[in-house]
């Protein structure tokens, strides 16, 4: 049961900001809760990110693990010969837009053809890159592998 003693204002939507430095009588006058002198008492002071008051910070306490990828490396979407064999007819001229439509790739994706599987169809293929084995297999089947 709710009694009058239990009623309170609870969480306030627009809580008033504490006004410091407004006289001794306010309880937060004089140094305005900033202590005495030093960098922290001055305007514009802020400790650096990750600083833990002189304690060894977390990013230095925890050991480094793993590796980071090369940010400058070109990322290719791999398409193999067996996938080309399944999706295209013999004698097809396949450019990059056709490849991207067939494999539901984004406009900016770069495509590399790899040599997994067999290819018996003559395909005239354009892609951003080819593995040596894939280019050899395509040309062996009577097609062409053109790098764009």
N, C-alpha and C. Protein backbone atom coordinates (compact mmCIF):
# COMPACT_ATOMS: atom_id res chain seq x y z
N UNK A 1 0.84 -1.18 0.00
CA UNK A 1 0.00 0.00 0.00
C UNK A 1 0.88 1.25 0.00
N UNK A 2 0.47 2.25 -0.70
CA UNK A 2 1.22 3.50 -0.81
C UNK A 2 0.83 4.41 0.34
N UNK A 3 1.87 4.93 1.02
CA UNK A 3 1.60 5.89 2.09
C UNK A 3 2.22 7.23 1.71
N UNK A 4 1.83 8.27 2.42
CA UNK A 4 2.36 9.60 2.15
C UNK A 4 3.87 9.67 2.35
N UNK A 5 4.41 8.79 3.23
CA UNK A 5 5.84 8.78 3.50
C UNK A 5 6.65 8.26 2.30
N UNK A 6 5.99 7.48 1.44
CA UNK A 6 6.69 6.90 0.30
C UNK A 6 6.75 7.83 -0.91
N UNK A 7 5.95 8.87 -0.90
CA UNK A 7 5.88 9.74 -2.07
C UNK A 7 7.13 10.60 -2.16
N UNK A 8 7.73 10.64 -3.34
CA UNK A 8 8.84 11.55 -3.58
C UNK A 8 8.76 12.07 -5.02
N UNK A 9 9.59 13.02 -5.32
CA UNK A 9 9.55 13.58 -6.67
C UNK A 9 10.23 12.68 -7.68
N UNK A 10 11.07 11.77 -7.20
CA UNK A 10 11.70 10.81 -8.11
C UNK A 10 12.66 11.48 -9.08
N UNK A 11 12.79 10.87 -10.23
CA UNK A 11 13.69 11.39 -11.26
C UNK A 11 13.06 12.61 -11.90
N UNK A 12 13.83 13.69 -11.93
CA UNK A 12 13.31 14.92 -12.52
C UNK A 12 13.75 15.01 -13.97
N UNK A 13 12.82 15.41 -14.81
CA UNK A 13 13.12 15.51 -16.23
C UNK A 13 14.14 16.61 -16.50
N UNK A 14 13.91 17.78 -15.96
CA UNK A 14 14.80 18.91 -16.18
C UNK A 14 15.47 19.30 -14.86
N UNK A 15 16.51 18.54 -14.52
CA UNK A 15 17.18 18.77 -13.26
C UNK A 15 18.03 20.03 -13.36
N UNK A 16 18.01 20.84 -12.31
CA UNK A 16 18.76 22.09 -12.32
C UNK A 16 20.24 21.84 -12.24
N UNK A 17 21.01 22.54 -13.02
CA UNK A 17 22.46 22.42 -13.01
C UNK A 17 22.99 23.05 -11.72
N UNK A 18 24.00 22.42 -11.11
CA UNK A 18 24.59 22.95 -9.88
C UNK A 18 25.42 24.18 -10.22
N UNK A 19 25.10 25.30 -9.60
CA UNK A 19 25.82 26.55 -9.84
C UNK A 19 26.91 26.70 -8.80
N UNK A 20 28.16 26.58 -9.25
CA UNK A 20 29.28 26.65 -8.33
C UNK A 20 29.93 28.02 -8.41
N UNK A 21 30.70 28.35 -7.37
CA UNK A 21 31.41 29.63 -7.37
C UNK A 21 30.51 30.82 -7.16
N UNK A 22 29.44 30.65 -6.35
CA UNK A 22 28.50 31.74 -6.13
C UNK A 22 28.45 32.15 -4.67
N UNK A 23 29.62 32.23 -4.05
CA UNK A 23 29.67 32.72 -2.67
C UNK A 23 29.85 31.60 -1.67
N UNK A 24 30.45 31.96 -0.52
CA UNK A 24 30.75 30.98 0.52
C UNK A 24 29.48 30.32 1.03
N UNK A 25 28.41 31.09 1.16
CA UNK A 25 27.16 30.58 1.72
C UNK A 25 26.52 29.49 0.88
N UNK A 26 26.85 29.40 -0.37
CA UNK A 26 26.24 28.39 -1.23
C UNK A 26 26.80 27.00 -0.96
N UNK A 27 27.95 26.95 -0.26
CA UNK A 27 28.57 25.66 0.02
C UNK A 27 29.53 25.24 -1.08
N UNK A 28 29.48 25.91 -2.22
CA UNK A 28 30.39 25.60 -3.32
C UNK A 28 31.02 26.86 -3.87
N UNK A 29 31.35 27.76 -2.96
CA UNK A 29 31.97 29.02 -3.36
C UNK A 29 33.49 28.89 -3.32
N UNK A 30 34.18 30.01 -3.26
CA UNK A 30 35.63 30.09 -3.19
C UNK A 30 36.30 29.29 -4.30
N UNK A 31 36.68 28.04 -4.07
CA UNK A 31 37.40 27.28 -5.11
C UNK A 31 36.44 26.54 -6.03
N UNK A 32 35.17 26.58 -5.76
CA UNK A 32 34.14 25.97 -6.62
C UNK A 32 34.40 24.49 -6.88
N UNK A 33 34.77 23.76 -5.83
CA UNK A 33 34.98 22.31 -5.88
C UNK A 33 36.17 21.89 -6.73
N UNK A 34 37.08 22.85 -7.03
CA UNK A 34 38.22 22.53 -7.88
C UNK A 34 39.51 22.34 -7.09
N UNK A 35 39.47 22.40 -5.79
CA UNK A 35 40.68 22.28 -5.00
C UNK A 35 41.48 23.57 -5.05
N UNK A 36 42.77 23.50 -4.69
CA UNK A 36 43.61 24.70 -4.65
C UNK A 36 44.65 24.67 -5.75
N UNK A 37 44.79 25.75 -6.46
CA UNK A 37 45.82 25.97 -7.48
C UNK A 37 45.96 24.78 -8.44
N UNK A 38 47.03 24.74 -9.16
CA UNK A 38 47.30 23.61 -10.05
C UNK A 38 46.49 23.66 -11.33
N UNK A 39 46.86 22.76 -12.23
CA UNK A 39 46.27 22.72 -13.56
C UNK A 39 44.77 22.47 -13.51
N UNK A 40 44.34 21.59 -12.60
CA UNK A 40 42.93 21.23 -12.54
C UNK A 40 42.01 22.34 -12.08
N UNK A 41 42.59 23.38 -11.45
CA UNK A 41 41.76 24.48 -10.98
C UNK A 41 41.55 25.53 -12.06
N UNK A 42 42.29 25.42 -13.15
CA UNK A 42 42.24 26.43 -14.20
C UNK A 42 41.26 26.06 -15.30
N UNK A 43 40.80 27.06 -16.03
CA UNK A 43 39.91 26.82 -17.16
C UNK A 43 40.68 26.12 -18.27
N UNK A 44 40.00 25.25 -19.02
CA UNK A 44 40.62 24.59 -20.15
C UNK A 44 41.34 23.31 -19.81
N UNK A 45 41.38 22.94 -18.54
CA UNK A 45 42.08 21.72 -18.16
C UNK A 45 41.21 20.50 -18.46
N UNK A 46 41.83 19.50 -19.02
CA UNK A 46 41.17 18.21 -19.19
C UNK A 46 42.25 17.15 -19.28
N UNK A 47 42.12 16.04 -18.55
CA UNK A 47 43.14 14.99 -18.61
C UNK A 47 42.99 14.25 -19.94
N UNK A 48 44.08 13.67 -20.38
CA UNK A 48 44.06 12.99 -21.67
C UNK A 48 43.20 11.73 -21.63
N UNK A 49 42.76 11.31 -22.79
CA UNK A 49 41.91 10.13 -22.88
C UNK A 49 42.67 8.90 -22.37
N UNK A 50 42.03 8.10 -21.54
CA UNK A 50 42.66 6.91 -21.01
C UNK A 50 43.47 7.13 -19.75
N UNK A 51 43.60 8.38 -19.30
CA UNK A 51 44.39 8.68 -18.10
C UNK A 51 43.63 8.19 -16.88
N UNK A 52 44.33 7.50 -15.98
CA UNK A 52 43.69 6.93 -14.80
C UNK A 52 44.32 7.43 -13.52
N UNK A 53 44.67 8.69 -13.49
CA UNK A 53 45.18 9.30 -12.28
C UNK A 53 46.54 8.80 -11.87
N UNK A 54 47.37 8.44 -12.80
CA UNK A 54 48.71 7.96 -12.48
C UNK A 54 48.80 6.45 -12.40
N UNK A 55 47.68 5.78 -12.23
CA UNK A 55 47.67 4.32 -12.26
C UNK A 55 47.99 3.87 -13.68
N UNK A 56 48.63 2.73 -13.82
CA UNK A 56 48.95 2.21 -15.15
C UNK A 56 47.65 2.01 -15.92
N UNK A 57 47.47 2.69 -17.05
CA UNK A 57 46.19 2.64 -17.74
C UNK A 57 45.90 1.28 -18.36
N UNK A 58 44.64 1.00 -18.57
CA UNK A 58 44.18 -0.30 -19.06
C UNK A 58 44.87 -0.67 -20.36
N UNK A 59 44.99 0.28 -21.28
CA UNK A 59 45.56 -0.07 -22.59
C UNK A 59 47.04 -0.45 -22.49
N UNK A 60 47.70 -0.12 -21.37
CA UNK A 60 49.08 -0.56 -21.17
C UNK A 60 49.17 -1.79 -20.27
N UNK A 61 48.13 -2.03 -19.47
CA UNK A 61 48.12 -3.21 -18.60
C UNK A 61 47.83 -4.49 -19.38
N UNK A 62 47.00 -4.36 -20.42
CA UNK A 62 46.57 -5.53 -21.18
C UNK A 62 47.53 -5.76 -22.33
N UNK A 63 47.94 -7.02 -22.53
CA UNK A 63 48.91 -7.34 -23.58
C UNK A 63 48.29 -7.19 -24.96
N UNK A 64 49.14 -6.87 -25.93
CA UNK A 64 48.68 -6.78 -27.32
C UNK A 64 48.53 -8.19 -27.86
N UNK A 65 47.50 -8.41 -28.65
CA UNK A 65 47.27 -9.71 -29.27
C UNK A 65 46.81 -9.52 -30.70
N UNK A 66 47.10 -10.49 -31.54
CA UNK A 66 46.58 -10.50 -32.90
C UNK A 66 47.33 -9.55 -33.81
N UNK A 67 46.66 -9.17 -34.88
CA UNK A 67 47.28 -8.30 -35.87
C UNK A 67 46.20 -7.44 -36.49
N UNK A 68 46.63 -6.39 -37.19
CA UNK A 68 45.68 -5.56 -37.91
C UNK A 68 45.95 -5.71 -39.39
N UNK A 69 44.90 -5.68 -40.18
CA UNK A 69 45.03 -5.84 -41.63
C UNK A 69 45.66 -4.61 -42.25
N UNK A 70 46.23 -4.80 -43.41
CA UNK A 70 46.80 -3.69 -44.17
C UNK A 70 45.67 -2.81 -44.68
N UNK A 71 45.65 -1.56 -44.24
CA UNK A 71 44.57 -0.64 -44.62
C UNK A 71 44.64 -0.28 -46.09
N UNK A 72 45.80 -0.46 -46.72
CA UNK A 72 45.98 -0.06 -48.12
C UNK A 72 45.81 -1.23 -49.09
N UNK A 73 45.59 -2.43 -48.58
CA UNK A 73 45.44 -3.60 -49.44
C UNK A 73 44.12 -3.51 -50.20
N UNK A 74 44.12 -3.98 -51.44
CA UNK A 74 42.91 -4.00 -52.25
C UNK A 74 42.14 -5.27 -51.91
N UNK A 75 40.87 -5.12 -51.54
CA UNK A 75 40.04 -6.26 -51.18
C UNK A 75 39.26 -6.72 -52.41
N UNK A 76 39.41 -7.98 -52.76
CA UNK A 76 38.72 -8.55 -53.91
C UNK A 76 37.65 -9.53 -53.45
N UNK A 77 36.59 -9.64 -54.24
CA UNK A 77 35.60 -10.70 -54.05
C UNK A 77 36.02 -11.85 -54.95
N UNK A 78 36.22 -13.01 -54.38
CA UNK A 78 36.72 -14.16 -55.15
C UNK A 78 35.58 -14.88 -55.85
N UNK A 79 35.78 -15.14 -57.15
CA UNK A 79 34.84 -15.94 -57.93
C UNK A 79 35.65 -17.05 -58.58
N UNK A 80 35.21 -18.29 -58.43
CA UNK A 80 35.96 -19.43 -58.93
C UNK A 80 35.44 -19.92 -60.27
N UNK A 81 36.28 -20.71 -60.94
CA UNK A 81 35.94 -21.22 -62.28
C UNK A 81 34.68 -22.08 -62.26
N UNK A 82 34.52 -22.90 -61.21
CA UNK A 82 33.32 -23.75 -61.15
C UNK A 82 32.04 -22.93 -61.06
N UNK A 83 32.11 -21.76 -60.41
CA UNK A 83 30.94 -20.89 -60.34
C UNK A 83 30.63 -20.29 -61.71
N UNK A 84 31.67 -19.92 -62.45
CA UNK A 84 31.47 -19.38 -63.81
C UNK A 84 30.90 -20.46 -64.73
N UNK A 85 31.38 -21.68 -64.58
CA UNK A 85 30.90 -22.82 -65.37
C UNK A 85 29.40 -23.03 -65.17
N UNK A 86 28.94 -22.87 -63.93
CA UNK A 86 27.52 -23.09 -63.62
C UNK A 86 26.62 -21.96 -64.12
N UNK A 87 27.11 -20.72 -64.08
CA UNK A 87 26.24 -19.56 -64.30
C UNK A 87 26.18 -19.04 -65.74
N UNK A 88 27.18 -19.33 -66.55
CA UNK A 88 27.22 -18.73 -67.88
C UNK A 88 27.23 -19.78 -68.99
N UNK A 89 26.71 -19.37 -70.15
CA UNK A 89 26.65 -20.26 -71.31
C UNK A 89 27.95 -20.22 -72.09
N UNK A 90 28.13 -21.23 -72.94
CA UNK A 90 29.33 -21.30 -73.77
C UNK A 90 29.38 -20.12 -74.74
N UNK A 91 30.56 -19.51 -74.88
CA UNK A 91 30.75 -18.39 -75.81
C UNK A 91 30.29 -17.05 -75.28
N UNK A 92 29.99 -16.94 -74.00
CA UNK A 92 29.47 -15.69 -73.43
C UNK A 92 30.58 -14.65 -73.30
N UNK A 93 30.21 -13.38 -73.56
CA UNK A 93 31.10 -12.26 -73.29
C UNK A 93 30.70 -11.67 -71.94
N UNK A 94 31.59 -11.77 -70.97
CA UNK A 94 31.24 -11.39 -69.59
C UNK A 94 32.11 -10.21 -69.16
N UNK A 95 31.46 -9.07 -68.93
CA UNK A 95 32.20 -7.92 -68.41
C UNK A 95 31.95 -7.81 -66.90
N UNK A 96 32.53 -6.81 -66.30
CA UNK A 96 32.45 -6.66 -64.84
C UNK A 96 31.01 -6.45 -64.38
N UNK A 97 30.25 -5.64 -65.11
CA UNK A 97 28.85 -5.39 -64.71
C UNK A 97 28.04 -6.67 -64.73
N UNK A 98 28.28 -7.53 -65.74
CA UNK A 98 27.57 -8.81 -65.83
C UNK A 98 27.94 -9.70 -64.64
N UNK A 99 29.24 -9.73 -64.30
CA UNK A 99 29.69 -10.53 -63.16
C UNK A 99 29.03 -10.05 -61.86
N UNK A 100 29.00 -8.73 -61.67
CA UNK A 100 28.43 -8.18 -60.44
C UNK A 100 26.93 -8.47 -60.35
N UNK A 101 26.24 -8.42 -61.47
CA UNK A 101 24.80 -8.73 -61.48
C UNK A 101 24.58 -10.21 -61.19
N UNK A 102 25.40 -11.08 -61.77
CA UNK A 102 25.23 -12.52 -61.60
C UNK A 102 25.52 -12.97 -60.18
N UNK A 103 26.44 -12.28 -59.50
CA UNK A 103 26.83 -12.69 -58.15
C UNK A 103 26.34 -11.74 -57.06
N UNK A 104 25.44 -10.82 -57.41
CA UNK A 104 24.85 -9.86 -56.47
C UNK A 104 25.90 -9.08 -55.70
N UNK A 105 26.83 -8.47 -56.42
CA UNK A 105 27.90 -7.70 -55.79
C UNK A 105 27.60 -6.22 -55.90
N UNK A 106 28.17 -5.45 -54.98
CA UNK A 106 27.94 -4.00 -55.01
C UNK A 106 28.74 -3.36 -56.13
N UNK A 107 28.40 -2.13 -56.43
CA UNK A 107 29.00 -1.40 -57.54
C UNK A 107 30.50 -1.20 -57.35
N UNK A 108 30.94 -1.04 -56.10
CA UNK A 108 32.34 -0.72 -55.83
C UNK A 108 33.22 -1.94 -55.61
N UNK A 109 32.63 -3.13 -55.57
CA UNK A 109 33.39 -4.36 -55.31
C UNK A 109 34.35 -4.67 -56.46
N UNK A 110 35.56 -5.07 -56.10
CA UNK A 110 36.52 -5.52 -57.11
C UNK A 110 36.48 -7.05 -57.16
N UNK A 111 36.60 -7.60 -58.37
CA UNK A 111 36.41 -9.03 -58.58
C UNK A 111 37.72 -9.68 -59.01
N UNK A 112 38.03 -10.83 -58.39
CA UNK A 112 39.19 -11.62 -58.79
C UNK A 112 38.71 -13.02 -59.11
N UNK A 113 39.14 -13.55 -60.24
CA UNK A 113 38.76 -14.90 -60.66
C UNK A 113 39.86 -15.86 -60.21
N UNK A 114 39.45 -16.90 -59.48
CA UNK A 114 40.39 -17.89 -58.95
C UNK A 114 40.19 -19.23 -59.65
N UNK A 115 41.18 -20.11 -59.53
CA UNK A 115 41.22 -21.32 -60.35
C UNK A 115 40.62 -22.58 -59.76
N UNK A 116 39.74 -22.50 -58.78
CA UNK A 116 39.13 -23.71 -58.23
C UNK A 116 38.12 -24.29 -59.22
N UNK A 117 38.16 -25.57 -59.43
CA UNK A 117 37.20 -26.23 -60.31
C UNK A 117 37.68 -26.30 -61.75
N UNK A 118 36.81 -26.89 -62.60
CA UNK A 118 37.11 -27.08 -64.02
C UNK A 118 36.25 -26.14 -64.84
N UNK A 119 36.76 -25.75 -66.01
CA UNK A 119 35.96 -24.96 -66.93
C UNK A 119 36.14 -25.54 -68.33
N UNK A 120 35.01 -25.82 -68.97
CA UNK A 120 35.06 -26.39 -70.31
C UNK A 120 34.43 -25.44 -71.33
N UNK A 121 33.77 -24.39 -70.86
CA UNK A 121 33.10 -23.44 -71.75
C UNK A 121 34.07 -22.35 -72.19
N UNK A 122 33.87 -21.88 -73.40
CA UNK A 122 34.68 -20.77 -73.92
C UNK A 122 34.05 -19.48 -73.43
N UNK A 123 34.73 -18.80 -72.51
CA UNK A 123 34.22 -17.55 -71.94
C UNK A 123 35.21 -16.42 -72.19
N UNK A 124 34.69 -15.30 -72.70
CA UNK A 124 35.51 -14.10 -72.85
C UNK A 124 35.24 -13.23 -71.63
N UNK A 125 36.18 -13.21 -70.71
CA UNK A 125 35.94 -12.70 -69.37
C UNK A 125 36.76 -11.45 -69.09
N UNK A 126 36.11 -10.48 -68.44
CA UNK A 126 36.80 -9.28 -67.94
C UNK A 126 36.64 -9.25 -66.43
N UNK A 127 37.75 -8.99 -65.72
CA UNK A 127 37.71 -8.88 -64.26
C UNK A 127 38.86 -7.98 -63.82
N UNK A 128 38.83 -7.60 -62.54
CA UNK A 128 39.89 -6.75 -62.01
C UNK A 128 41.20 -7.51 -61.85
N UNK A 129 41.11 -8.82 -61.57
CA UNK A 129 42.32 -9.61 -61.39
C UNK A 129 42.02 -11.08 -61.65
N UNK A 130 43.06 -11.82 -62.02
CA UNK A 130 42.96 -13.26 -62.26
C UNK A 130 44.13 -13.94 -61.57
N UNK A 131 43.90 -15.13 -61.02
CA UNK A 131 45.03 -15.90 -60.55
C UNK A 131 45.66 -16.54 -61.79
N UNK A 132 46.93 -16.93 -61.68
CA UNK A 132 47.64 -17.50 -62.82
C UNK A 132 46.95 -18.76 -63.32
N UNK A 133 46.50 -19.61 -62.37
CA UNK A 133 45.86 -20.87 -62.76
C UNK A 133 44.51 -20.62 -63.44
N UNK A 134 43.78 -19.60 -62.98
CA UNK A 134 42.48 -19.30 -63.59
C UNK A 134 42.65 -18.78 -65.01
N UNK A 135 43.58 -17.86 -65.21
CA UNK A 135 43.82 -17.31 -66.55
C UNK A 135 44.26 -18.41 -67.51
N UNK A 136 45.10 -19.30 -67.03
CA UNK A 136 45.58 -20.41 -67.85
C UNK A 136 44.43 -21.34 -68.25
N UNK A 137 43.55 -21.68 -67.29
CA UNK A 137 42.43 -22.59 -67.55
C UNK A 137 41.43 -21.97 -68.53
N UNK A 138 41.17 -20.65 -68.39
CA UNK A 138 40.22 -19.97 -69.28
C UNK A 138 40.76 -19.97 -70.71
N UNK A 139 42.03 -19.66 -70.87
CA UNK A 139 42.64 -19.64 -72.20
C UNK A 139 42.78 -21.04 -72.79
N UNK A 140 42.97 -22.03 -71.95
CA UNK A 140 43.05 -23.42 -72.40
C UNK A 140 41.72 -23.88 -72.94
N UNK A 141 40.60 -23.35 -72.37
CA UNK A 141 39.26 -23.71 -72.82
C UNK A 141 38.86 -22.93 -74.06
N UNK A 142 39.73 -22.02 -74.54
CA UNK A 142 39.45 -21.27 -75.76
C UNK A 142 38.91 -19.88 -75.53
N UNK A 143 38.83 -19.47 -74.27
CA UNK A 143 38.32 -18.15 -73.93
C UNK A 143 39.45 -17.15 -73.75
N UNK A 144 39.09 -15.98 -73.24
CA UNK A 144 40.10 -14.95 -72.96
C UNK A 144 39.87 -14.36 -71.58
N UNK A 145 40.99 -14.01 -70.93
CA UNK A 145 40.94 -13.40 -69.59
C UNK A 145 41.57 -12.03 -69.70
N UNK A 146 40.72 -10.99 -69.68
CA UNK A 146 41.20 -9.61 -69.83
C UNK A 146 41.10 -8.89 -68.50
N UNK A 147 42.23 -8.32 -68.08
CA UNK A 147 42.25 -7.57 -66.83
C UNK A 147 41.83 -6.13 -67.08
N UNK A 148 40.90 -5.63 -66.27
CA UNK A 148 40.39 -4.27 -66.47
C UNK A 148 40.98 -3.34 -65.43
